[in-house]
Amino acid sequence: MRIFLKHNGLSIFFLLLFLAALVLQALAGHADFNEGQLRHDNPTMSLGRYVISSQFAVAVLENWQSEYLQFTLFILATVWLLQRGSPESKQLDRAGRESDKDQLVGPHAKANSPRWAKAVDLRRTLFENSLLVVMAAIWLGSWFAQSITGVNEYNAERLDHHQLPVSWVDYLGRPDFWEKTLQNWQSEFLAVGSMAILAVYLRQRGSPESKPVGAPHHATGTDG
């Protein structure tokens, strides 16, 4: 168990943080929702009902989709785009998909390389793009789920004000959907861009997200 925790400490740490934050978000969101209900003389909702409601789901999913969009774009952009001096960038002479030799695929694969890296057919194509494909699929899936829960929440508010509900397609063009979407997108783009440029000049000793402390500012990549 001790070895397992050591070898998987990073993923376990963030999984526990995620679960704790999700529980606390549910508790805080439930309390806030019921306060709003009481202000409008509407019935309150139990915690169990709240966590399966559109109100809670849309609050969660609008953040999930923006996070996975961030990673999707970052994975794709860093194949081709460079930032001189940043550990978030590849070396300046390695833009693009790189050669089979550099990527250790096909005849250049090593004995301990993943089996699909040694293939020469569709399996290798899928494997060499699998990270981008999965991240994009999670982003699109959570964005779609956000739109479904969002229209349910939007229509509930309209019914409270004696207005007719709108269709899902109509909701996709509404300011409510895009405000919820873009408020998260802009923060993710700012965070990634800030990391790429600040890591040129700032350091964190021992972190793989930073260059070595003594590496010159113009050194690009994590090796300095």
C-alpha atoms as a PDB file:
ATOM      1  CA  MET A   1       0.000   0.000   0.000  1.00  0.00           C
ATOM      2  CA  ARG A   2       2.839   2.382   0.836  1.00  0.00           C
ATOM      3  CA  ILE A   3       4.444   1.773  -2.566  1.00  0.00           C
ATOM      4  CA  PHE A   4       1.091   2.201  -4.317  1.00  0.00           C
ATOM      5  CA  LEU A   5       0.510   5.552  -2.588  1.00  0.00           C
ATOM      6  CA  LYS A   6       4.019   6.731  -3.487  1.00  0.00           C
ATOM      7  CA  HIS A   7       3.655   5.756  -7.146  1.00  0.00           C
ATOM      8  CA  ASN A   8       0.161   7.278  -7.474  1.00  0.00           C
ATOM      9  CA  GLY A   9       0.405  10.148  -5.008  1.00  0.00           C
ATOM     10  CA  LEU A  10      -0.297  12.941  -7.488  1.00  0.00           C
ATOM     11  CA  SER A  11      -3.494  11.448  -8.905  1.00  0.00           C
ATOM     12  CA  ILE A  12      -4.753  10.347  -5.461  1.00  0.00           C
ATOM     13  CA  PHE A  13      -4.068  13.801  -4.001  1.00  0.00           C
ATOM     14  CA  PHE A  14      -6.091  15.585  -6.662  1.00  0.00           C
ATOM     15  CA  LEU A  15      -8.841  12.959  -6.612  1.00  0.00           C
ATOM     16  CA  LEU A  16      -9.324  13.538  -2.877  1.00  0.00           C
ATOM     17  CA  LEU A  17      -9.288  17.310  -3.383  1.00  0.00           C
ATOM     18  CA  PHE A  18     -11.857  16.949  -6.167  1.00  0.00           C
ATOM     19  CA  LEU A  19     -14.207  14.843  -4.048  1.00  0.00           C
ATOM     20  CA  ALA A  20     -13.885  17.158  -1.057  1.00  0.00           C
ATOM     21  CA  ALA A  21     -14.532  20.252  -3.173  1.00  0.00           C
ATOM     22  CA  LEU A  22     -17.502  18.588  -4.885  1.00  0.00           C
ATOM     23  CA  VAL A  23     -19.083  17.712  -1.544  1.00  0.00           C
ATOM     24  CA  LEU A  24     -18.505  21.216  -0.191  1.00  0.00           C
ATOM     25  CA  GLN A  25     -19.896  22.732  -3.392  1.00  0.00           C
ATOM     26  CA  ALA A  26     -23.032  20.605  -2.996  1.00  0.00           C
ATOM     27  CA  LEU A  27     -23.482  21.723   0.607  1.00  0.00           C
ATOM     28  CA  ALA A  28     -22.883  25.400  -0.162  1.00  0.00           C
ATOM     29  CA  GLY A  29     -25.011  25.303  -3.314  1.00  0.00           C
ATOM     30  CA  HIS A  30     -27.849  23.586  -1.488  1.00  0.00           C
ATOM     31  CA  ALA A  31     -27.834  26.217   1.259  1.00  0.00           C
ATOM     32  CA  ASP A  32     -27.704  29.054  -1.271  1.00  0.00           C
ATOM     33  CA  PHE A  33     -30.504  27.541  -3.362  1.00  0.00           C
ATOM     34  CA  ASN A  34     -32.788  27.168  -0.353  1.00  0.00           C
ATOM     35  CA  GLU A  35     -32.073  30.734   0.754  1.00  0.00           C
ATOM     36  CA  GLY A  36     -33.238  31.909  -2.656  1.00  0.00           C
ATOM     37  CA  GLN A  37     -36.340  29.745  -2.425  1.00  0.00           C
ATOM     38  CA  LEU A  38     -37.258  31.196   0.947  1.00  0.00           C
ATOM     39  CA  ARG A  39     -36.790  34.756  -0.313  1.00  0.00           C
ATOM     40  CA  HIS A  40     -39.342  34.058  -3.032  1.00  0.00           C
ATOM     41  CA  ASP A  41     -41.690  32.096  -0.742  1.00  0.00           C
ATOM     42  CA  ASN A  42     -41.021  28.891  -2.705  1.00  0.00           C
ATOM     43  CA  PRO A  43     -40.604  25.406  -1.188  1.00  0.00           C
ATOM     44  CA  THR A  44     -37.099  24.357  -0.216  1.00  0.00           C
ATOM     45  CA  MET A  45     -35.337  21.239  -1.514  1.00  0.00           C
ATOM     46  CA  SER A  46     -33.588  18.415   0.313  1.00  0.00           C
ATOM     47  CA  LEU A  47     -29.864  17.897  -0.207  1.00  0.00           C
ATOM     48  CA  GLY A  48     -30.434  14.555  -1.916  1.00  0.00           C
ATOM     49  CA  ARG A  49     -32.840  16.098  -4.405  1.00  0.00           C
ATOM     50  CA  TYR A  50     -30.565  19.098  -4.945  1.00  0.00           C
ATOM     51  CA  VAL A  51     -27.533  17.033  -5.995  1.00  0.00           C
ATOM     52  CA  ILE A  52     -29.534  15.397  -8.806  1.00  0.00           C
ATOM     53  CA  SER A  53     -31.147  18.668  -9.870  1.00  0.00           C
ATOM     54  CA  SER A  54     -30.338  20.773 -12.926  1.00  0.00           C
ATOM     55  CA  GLN A  55     -29.259  23.611 -10.633  1.00  0.00           C
ATOM     56  CA  PHE A  56     -26.378  21.585  -9.203  1.00  0.00           C
ATOM     57  CA  ALA A  57     -25.524  19.786 -12.449  1.00  0.00           C
ATOM     58  CA  VAL A  58     -25.159  22.934 -14.528  1.00  0.00           C
ATOM     59  CA  ALA A  59     -22.935  24.538 -11.871  1.00  0.00           C
ATOM     60  CA  VAL A  60     -20.624  21.507 -11.982  1.00  0.00           C
ATOM     61  CA  LEU A  61     -20.647  20.860 -15.719  1.00  0.00           C
ATOM     62  CA  GLU A  62     -19.997  24.412 -16.844  1.00  0.00           C
ATOM     63  CA  ASN A  63     -16.661  24.183 -15.037  1.00  0.00           C
ATOM     64  CA  TRP A  64     -15.828  20.663 -16.207  1.00  0.00           C
ATOM     65  CA  GLN A  65     -16.294  21.492 -19.870  1.00  0.00           C
ATOM     66  CA  SER A  66     -14.064  24.570 -19.666  1.00  0.00           C
ATOM     67  CA  GLU A  67     -11.298  22.641 -17.907  1.00  0.00           C
ATOM     68  CA  TYR A  68     -11.268  19.913 -20.543  1.00  0.00           C
ATOM     69  CA  LEU A  69     -11.426  22.505 -23.320  1.00  0.00           C
ATOM     70  CA  GLN A  70      -8.305  24.051 -21.793  1.00  0.00           C
ATOM     71  CA  PHE A  71      -6.418  20.758 -21.900  1.00  0.00           C
ATOM     72  CA  THR A  72      -7.719  19.896 -25.375  1.00  0.00           C
ATOM     73  CA  LEU A  73      -6.504  23.178 -26.842  1.00  0.00           C
ATOM     74  CA  PHE A  74      -3.220  23.060 -24.930  1.00  0.00           C
ATOM     75  CA  ILE A  75      -2.429  19.545 -26.136  1.00  0.00           C
ATOM     76  CA  LEU A  76      -3.194  20.515 -29.736  1.00  0.00           C
ATOM     77  CA  ALA A  77      -1.579  23.961 -29.693  1.00  0.00           C
ATOM     78  CA  THR A  78       1.711  22.750 -28.217  1.00  0.00           C
ATOM     79  CA  VAL A  79       2.216  20.393 -31.143  1.00  0.00           C
ATOM     80  CA  TRP A  80       2.753  23.362 -33.453  1.00  0.00           C
ATOM     81  CA  LEU A  81       3.095  26.551 -31.383  1.00  0.00           C
ATOM     82  CA  LEU A  82       6.187  27.492 -29.388  1.00  0.00           C
ATOM     83  CA  GLN A  83       7.027  29.917 -26.588  1.00  0.00           C
ATOM     84  CA  ARG A  84      10.689  30.813 -26.291  1.00  0.00           C
ATOM     85  CA  GLY A  85      11.956  30.239 -22.772  1.00  0.00           C
ATOM     86  CA  SER A  86       8.853  28.439 -21.468  1.00  0.00           C
ATOM     87  CA  PRO A  87       8.934  24.912 -19.997  1.00  0.00           C
ATOM     88  CA  GLU A  88       5.387  24.570 -21.356  1.00  0.00           C
ATOM     89  CA  SER A  89       6.815  24.671 -24.901  1.00  0.00           C
ATOM     90  CA  LYS A  90       8.801  22.165 -26.910  1.00  0.00           C
ATOM     91  CA  GLN A  91      12.292  23.029 -28.069  1.00  0.00           C
ATOM     92  CA  LEU A  92      12.241  25.702 -30.764  1.00  0.00           C
ATOM     93  CA  ASP A  93      13.414  23.292 -33.485  1.00  0.00           C
ATOM     94  CA  ARG A  94      10.821  20.593 -32.740  1.00  0.00           C
ATOM     95  CA  ALA A  95       7.551  22.186 -33.846  1.00  0.00           C
ATOM     96  CA  GLY A  96       5.108  19.786 -35.482  1.00  0.00           C
ATOM     97  CA  ARG A  97       4.359  16.094 -35.107  1.00  0.00           C
ATOM     98  CA  GLU A  98       8.052  15.101 -35.159  1.00  0.00           C
ATOM     99  CA  SER A  99       9.555  12.083 -36.877  1.00  0.00           C
ATOM    100  CA  ASP A 100       8.817   8.427 -36.142  1.00  0.00           C
ATOM    101  CA  LYS A 101      12.346   8.156 -34.754  1.00  0.00           C
ATOM    102  CA  ASP A 102      11.784  11.038 -32.318  1.00  0.00           C
ATOM    103  CA  GLN A 103       8.451   9.582 -31.246  1.00  0.00           C
ATOM    104  CA  LEU A 104       9.716   5.983 -30.900  1.00  0.00           C
ATOM    105  CA  VAL A 105       6.981   4.492 -33.081  1.00  0.00           C
ATOM    106  CA  GLY A 106       6.883   1.791 -35.758  1.00  0.00           C
ATOM    107  CA  PRO A 107      10.362   0.386 -36.451  1.00  0.00           C
ATOM    108  CA  HIS A 108      11.862   2.845 -33.931  1.00  0.00           C
ATOM    109  CA  ALA A 109       9.787   1.541 -31.000  1.00  0.00           C
ATOM    110  CA  LYS A 110      11.695   0.018 -28.097  1.00  0.00           C
ATOM    111  CA  ALA A 111      11.123  -3.371 -26.502  1.00  0.00           C
ATOM    112  CA  ASN A 112       9.194  -1.797 -23.625  1.00  0.00           C
ATOM    113  CA  SER A 113       7.165   0.597 -25.817  1.00  0.00           C
ATOM    114  CA  PRO A 114       3.353   0.225 -25.746  1.00  0.00           C
ATOM    115  CA  ARG A 115       2.189  -2.471 -28.155  1.00  0.00           C
ATOM    116  CA  TRP A 116       0.140  -0.111 -30.296  1.00  0.00           C
ATOM    117  CA  ALA A 117       3.177   2.175 -30.749  1.00  0.00           C
ATOM    118  CA  LYS A 118       4.793  -0.677 -32.679  1.00  0.00           C
ATOM    119  CA  ALA A 119       1.825  -1.111 -35.021  1.00  0.00           C
ATOM    120  CA  VAL A 120       1.749   0.364 -38.524  1.00  0.00           C
ATOM    121  CA  ASP A 121      -2.014   0.502 -39.070  1.00  0.00           C
ATOM    122  CA  LEU A 122      -5.034   2.337 -37.661  1.00  0.00           C
ATOM    123  CA  ARG A 123      -4.189   1.199 -34.149  1.00  0.00           C
ATOM    124  CA  ARG A 124      -1.068   3.377 -34.074  1.00  0.00           C
ATOM    125  CA  THR A 125      -2.946   6.346 -35.522  1.00  0.00           C
ATOM    126  CA  LEU A 126      -5.535   6.027 -32.757  1.00  0.00           C
ATOM    127  CA  PHE A 127      -2.909   5.579 -30.057  1.00  0.00           C
ATOM    128  CA  GLU A 128      -0.748   8.512 -31.131  1.00  0.00           C
ATOM    129  CA  ASN A 129      -3.782  10.815 -30.990  1.00  0.00           C
ATOM    130  CA  SER A 130      -5.577   9.131 -28.079  1.00  0.00           C
ATOM    131  CA  LEU A 131      -4.907  11.838 -25.474  1.00  0.00           C
ATOM    132  CA  LEU A 132      -6.363  14.583 -27.665  1.00  0.00           C
ATOM    133  CA  VAL A 133      -9.326  12.424 -28.722  1.00  0.00           C
ATOM    134  CA  VAL A 134     -10.304  11.491 -25.159  1.00  0.00           C
ATOM    135  CA  MET A 135      -9.879  15.026 -23.795  1.00  0.00           C
ATOM    136  CA  ALA A 136     -11.947  16.457 -26.651  1.00  0.00           C
ATOM    137  CA  ALA A 137     -14.634  13.808 -26.156  1.00  0.00           C
ATOM    138  CA  ILE A 138     -14.909  14.622 -22.438  1.00  0.00           C
ATOM    139  CA  TRP A 139     -15.076  18.340 -23.229  1.00  0.00           C
ATOM    140  CA  LEU A 140     -17.802  17.953 -25.843  1.00  0.00           C
ATOM    141  CA  GLY A 141     -19.732  15.479 -23.678  1.00  0.00           C
ATOM    142  CA  SER A 142     -19.678  17.735 -20.622  1.00  0.00           C
ATOM    143  CA  TRP A 143     -20.523  20.797 -22.747  1.00  0.00           C
ATOM    144  CA  PHE A 144     -23.511  18.957 -24.198  1.00  0.00           C
ATOM    145  CA  ALA A 145     -24.575  17.877 -20.702  1.00  0.00           C
ATOM    146  CA  GLN A 146     -24.216  21.500 -19.537  1.00  0.00           C
ATOM    147  CA  SER A 147     -26.574  22.616 -22.294  1.00  0.00           C
ATOM    148  CA  ILE A 148     -29.176  19.991 -21.314  1.00  0.00           C
ATOM    149  CA  THR A 149     -29.097  20.840 -17.622  1.00  0.00           C
ATOM    150  CA  GLY A 150     -28.856  24.527 -18.453  1.00  0.00           C
ATOM    151  CA  VAL A 151     -32.043  24.565 -20.513  1.00  0.00           C
ATOM    152  CA  ASN A 152     -33.876  22.740 -17.736  1.00  0.00           C
ATOM    153  CA  GLU A 153     -32.765  25.329 -15.187  1.00  0.00           C
ATOM    154  CA  TYR A 154     -33.528  28.178 -17.600  1.00  0.00           C
ATOM    155  CA  ASN A 155     -37.027  26.883 -18.299  1.00  0.00           C
ATOM    156  CA  ALA A 156     -37.728  26.386 -14.597  1.00  0.00           C
ATOM    157  CA  GLU A 157     -36.995  30.073 -14.053  1.00  0.00           C
ATOM    158  CA  ARG A 158     -39.206  31.038 -17.000  1.00  0.00           C
ATOM    159  CA  LEU A 159     -42.099  28.977 -15.625  1.00  0.00           C
ATOM    160  CA  ASP A 160     -41.681  30.692 -12.254  1.00  0.00           C
ATOM    161  CA  HIS A 161     -42.246  33.972 -14.082  1.00  0.00           C
ATOM    162  CA  HIS A 162     -45.194  32.583 -16.072  1.00  0.00           C
ATOM    163  CA  GLN A 163     -43.244  32.486 -19.341  1.00  0.00           C
ATOM    164  CA  LEU A 164     -43.275  29.707 -21.915  1.00  0.00           C
ATOM    165  CA  PRO A 165     -40.282  27.309 -21.918  1.00  0.00           C
ATOM    166  CA  VAL A 166     -37.841  27.308 -24.836  1.00  0.00           C
ATOM    167  CA  SER A 167     -36.486  24.378 -26.822  1.00  0.00           C
ATOM    168  CA  TRP A 168     -32.943  23.095 -26.432  1.00  0.00           C
ATOM    169  CA  VAL A 169     -31.966  24.422 -29.868  1.00  0.00           C
ATOM    170  CA  ASP A 170     -33.390  27.851 -29.006  1.00  0.00           C
ATOM    171  CA  TYR A 171     -31.525  27.831 -25.680  1.00  0.00           C
ATOM    172  CA  LEU A 172     -28.185  27.326 -27.476  1.00  0.00           C
ATOM    173  CA  GLY A 173     -28.581  30.795 -28.947  1.00  0.00           C
ATOM    174  CA  ARG A 174     -29.611  32.445 -25.679  1.00  0.00           C
ATOM    175  CA  PRO A 175     -27.282  34.785 -23.736  1.00  0.00           C
ATOM    176  CA  ASP A 176     -27.750  32.611 -20.613  1.00  0.00           C
ATOM    177  CA  PHE A 177     -25.998  29.643 -22.228  1.00  0.00           C
ATOM    178  CA  TRP A 178     -23.120  31.656 -23.658  1.00  0.00           C
ATOM    179  CA  GLU A 179     -22.602  33.725 -20.516  1.00  0.00           C
ATOM    180  CA  LYS A 180     -22.230  30.533 -18.480  1.00  0.00           C
ATOM    181  CA  THR A 181     -19.869  29.134 -21.115  1.00  0.00           C
ATOM    182  CA  LEU A 182     -17.669  32.148 -21.808  1.00  0.00           C
ATOM    183  CA  GLN A 183     -17.193  33.185 -18.187  1.00  0.00           C
ATOM    184  CA  ASN A 184     -15.325  29.902 -17.728  1.00  0.00           C
ATOM    185  CA  TRP A 185     -13.521  29.871 -21.068  1.00  0.00           C
ATOM    186  CA  GLN A 186     -11.920  33.269 -20.583  1.00  0.00           C
ATOM    187  CA  SER A 187     -10.542  32.306 -17.168  1.00  0.00           C
ATOM    188  CA  GLU A 188      -9.056  29.071 -18.518  1.00  0.00           C
ATOM    189  CA  PHE A 189      -7.384  30.837 -21.458  1.00  0.00           C
ATOM    190  CA  LEU A 190      -5.952  33.458 -19.106  1.00  0.00           C
ATOM    191  CA  ALA A 191      -4.604  30.805 -16.726  1.00  0.00           C
ATOM    192  CA  VAL A 192      -2.879  28.786 -19.466  1.00  0.00           C
ATOM    193  CA  GLY A 193      -1.418  31.851 -21.147  1.00  0.00           C
ATOM    194  CA  SER A 194      -0.179  33.184 -17.808  1.00  0.00           C
ATOM    195  CA  MET A 195       1.494  29.873 -16.984  1.00  0.00           C
ATOM    196  CA  ALA A 196       3.243  29.739 -20.351  1.00  0.00           C
ATOM    197  CA  ILE A 197       4.750  33.213 -20.045  1.00  0.00           C
ATOM    198  CA  LEU A 198       5.353  33.446 -16.274  1.00  0.00           C
ATOM    199  CA  ALA A 199       7.288  30.162 -16.318  1.00  0.00           C
ATOM    200  CA  VAL A 200       9.815  31.832 -18.629  1.00  0.00           C
ATOM    201  CA  TYR A 201      10.985  34.087 -15.802  1.00  0.00           C
ATOM    202  CA  LEU A 202       9.824  32.430 -12.571  1.00  0.00           C
ATOM    203  CA  ARG A 203      10.906  29.114 -11.025  1.00  0.00           C
ATOM    204  CA  GLN A 204       9.677  26.463  -8.595  1.00  0.00           C
ATOM    205  CA  ARG A 205      12.481  24.227  -7.436  1.00  0.00           C
ATOM    206  CA  GLY A 206      11.658  20.541  -7.843  1.00  0.00           C
ATOM    207  CA  SER A 207       8.571  21.002 -10.036  1.00  0.00           C
ATOM    208  CA  PRO A 208       8.445  19.463 -13.537  1.00  0.00           C
ATOM    209  CA  GLU A 209       6.316  22.461 -14.531  1.00  0.00           C
ATOM    210  CA  SER A 210       9.363  24.691 -14.014  1.00  0.00           C
ATOM    211  CA  LYS A 211      12.789  24.866 -15.589  1.00  0.00           C
ATOM    212  CA  PRO A 212      15.791  24.212 -13.314  1.00  0.00           C
ATOM    213  CA  VAL A 213      16.291  27.177 -11.021  1.00  0.00           C
ATOM    214  CA  GLY A 214      19.606  28.091 -12.626  1.00  0.00           C
ATOM    215  CA  ALA A 215      18.464  27.731 -16.230  1.00  0.00           C
ATOM    216  CA  PRO A 216      18.621  30.943 -18.290  1.00  0.00           C
ATOM    217  CA  HIS A 217      15.354  32.662 -19.127  1.00  0.00           C
ATOM    218  CA  HIS A 218      15.711  31.967 -22.860  1.00  0.00           C
ATOM    219  CA  ALA A 219      16.120  28.189 -22.353  1.00  0.00           C
ATOM    220  CA  THR A 220      13.033  26.479 -23.760  1.00  0.00           C
ATOM    221  CA  GLY A 221      11.560  23.239 -22.417  1.00  0.00           C
ATOM    222  CA  THR A 222      11.773  21.564 -19.017  1.00  0.00           C
ATOM    223  CA  ASP A 223      15.440  20.560 -19.461  1.00  0.00           C
ATOM    224  CA  GLY A 224      16.593  24.148 -19.491  1.00  0.00           C
END
